[in-house]
C-alpha cells in the first residue's frame, strides 16, 4: 500500500548521486508489466536497474555500482 507499482525490491542512492534499484526474482521469475515500465522510467532518467536471482548476483551488482 502506498508504493508505486513496479518499484524494485532494493532501492539505493549511490555514492555518486544516482538512484539504483534491484529487483529480486526467483530462478525463472520474469518482470511484470509494471516492473518493465518502472525499469524503463528509471533508465530513461539515468538511474540504474538490475535483476538478481541470488545473493551472489546482488553482491556483484553492488560491486559494479561501487557500493561494496
C-alpha atoms as a PDB file:
ATOM      1  CA  UNK A   1       0.000   0.000   0.000  1.00  0.00           C
ATOM      2  CA  UNK A   2       1.255   3.442  -0.895  1.00  0.00           C
ATOM      3  CA  UNK A   3       4.085   2.170  -3.082  1.00  0.00           C
ATOM      4  CA  UNK A   4       4.277   2.833  -6.793  1.00  0.00           C
ATOM      5  CA  UNK A   5       3.628  -0.429  -8.681  1.00  0.00           C
ATOM      6  CA  UNK A   6       6.776  -1.953 -10.137  1.00  0.00           C
ATOM      7  CA  UNK A   7       9.333  -0.323  -7.813  1.00  0.00           C
ATOM      8  CA  UNK A   8      12.408  -2.525  -7.309  1.00  0.00           C
ATOM      9  CA  UNK A   9      12.736  -4.566  -4.123  1.00  0.00           C
ATOM     10  CA  UNK A  10      16.003  -2.901  -3.112  1.00  0.00           C
ATOM     11  CA  UNK A  11      16.495   0.841  -3.586  1.00  0.00           C
ATOM     12  CA  UNK A  12      19.760   2.762  -3.220  1.00  0.00           C
ATOM     13  CA  UNK A  13      21.044   6.295  -3.539  1.00  0.00           C
ATOM     14  CA  UNK A  14      24.519   5.565  -4.816  1.00  0.00           C
ATOM     15  CA  UNK A  15      27.626   7.474  -3.651  1.00  0.00           C
ATOM     16  CA  UNK A  16      27.783   9.400  -6.926  1.00  0.00           C
ATOM     17  CA  UNK A  17      24.183  10.672  -6.670  1.00  0.00           C
ATOM     18  CA  UNK A  18      22.352   8.178  -8.892  1.00  0.00           C
ATOM     19  CA  UNK A  19      19.412   6.021  -7.812  1.00  0.00           C
ATOM     20  CA  UNK A  20      19.788   2.263  -8.228  1.00  0.00           C
ATOM     21  CA  UNK A  21      17.126  -0.429  -7.989  1.00  0.00           C
ATOM     22  CA  UNK A  22      17.484  -4.194  -7.754  1.00  0.00           C
ATOM     23  CA  UNK A  23      14.517  -6.460  -8.428  1.00  0.00           C
ATOM     24  CA  UNK A  24      14.804  -9.841  -6.711  1.00  0.00           C
ATOM     25  CA  UNK A  25      13.482 -12.742  -8.754  1.00  0.00           C
ATOM     26  CA  UNK A  26      13.267 -16.492  -8.366  1.00  0.00           C
ATOM     27  CA  UNK A  27      15.125 -18.713 -10.839  1.00  0.00           C
ATOM     28  CA  UNK A  28      12.620 -18.350 -13.671  1.00  0.00           C
ATOM     29  CA  UNK A  29      10.798 -15.241 -12.464  1.00  0.00           C
ATOM     30  CA  UNK A  30      10.113 -12.530 -15.024  1.00  0.00           C
ATOM     31  CA  UNK A  31       9.395  -8.831 -14.711  1.00  0.00           C
ATOM     32  CA  UNK A  32       5.729  -7.873 -14.562  1.00  0.00           C
ATOM     33  CA  UNK A  33       4.423  -5.219 -16.934  1.00  0.00           C
ATOM     34  CA  UNK A  34       4.536  -2.591 -14.159  1.00  0.00           C
ATOM     35  CA  UNK A  35       8.134  -3.588 -13.335  1.00  0.00           C
ATOM     36  CA  UNK A  36       9.103  -3.206 -17.002  1.00  0.00           C
ATOM     37  CA  UNK A  37       7.561   0.286 -17.088  1.00  0.00           C
ATOM     38  CA  UNK A  38       9.371   1.253 -13.884  1.00  0.00           C
ATOM     39  CA  UNK A  39      12.682  -0.111 -15.236  1.00  0.00           C
ATOM     40  CA  UNK A  40      12.270   1.906 -18.445  1.00  0.00           C
ATOM     41  CA  UNK A  41      11.407   5.044 -16.449  1.00  0.00           C
ATOM     42  CA  UNK A  42      14.454   4.635 -14.181  1.00  0.00           C
ATOM     43  CA  UNK A  43      16.836   4.063 -17.073  1.00  0.00           C
ATOM     44  CA  UNK A  44      15.417   6.936 -19.127  1.00  0.00           C
ATOM     45  CA  UNK A  45      16.203   9.257 -16.202  1.00  0.00           C
ATOM     46  CA  UNK A  46      19.781   7.976 -15.888  1.00  0.00           C
ATOM     47  CA  UNK A  47      19.190   5.607 -12.974  1.00  0.00           C
ATOM     48  CA  UNK A  48      20.341   2.016 -12.669  1.00  0.00           C
ATOM     49  CA  UNK A  49      18.094  -1.059 -12.583  1.00  0.00           C
ATOM     50  CA  UNK A  50      19.110  -4.705 -12.373  1.00  0.00           C
ATOM     51  CA  UNK A  51      17.502  -8.070 -11.714  1.00  0.00           C
ATOM     52  CA  UNK A  52      19.121 -10.529  -9.321  1.00  0.00           C
ATOM     53  CA  UNK A  53      18.339 -14.174  -8.664  1.00  0.00           C
ATOM     54  CA  UNK A  54      20.794 -14.834  -5.820  1.00  0.00           C
ATOM     55  CA  UNK A  55      22.680 -13.044  -3.082  1.00  0.00           C
ATOM     56  CA  UNK A  56      25.828 -13.519  -5.154  1.00  0.00           C
ATOM     57  CA  UNK A  57      24.239 -11.600  -8.045  1.00  0.00           C
ATOM     58  CA  UNK A  58      23.226  -8.828  -5.625  1.00  0.00           C
ATOM     59  CA  UNK A  59      26.832  -8.628  -4.401  1.00  0.00           C
ATOM     60  CA  UNK A  60      28.151  -8.460  -7.987  1.00  0.00           C
ATOM     61  CA  UNK A  61      25.724  -5.659  -8.848  1.00  0.00           C
ATOM     62  CA  UNK A  62      26.644  -3.673  -5.726  1.00  0.00           C
ATOM     63  CA  UNK A  63      30.351  -4.103  -6.503  1.00  0.00           C
ATOM     64  CA  UNK A  64      29.760  -2.874 -10.067  1.00  0.00           C
ATOM     65  CA  UNK A  65      27.851   0.097  -8.638  1.00  0.00           C
ATOM     66  CA  UNK A  66      30.824   0.773  -6.316  1.00  0.00           C
ATOM     67  CA  UNK A  67      28.743   0.255  -3.170  1.00  0.00           C
ATOM     68  CA  UNK A  68      30.797  -2.704  -1.867  1.00  0.00           C
END
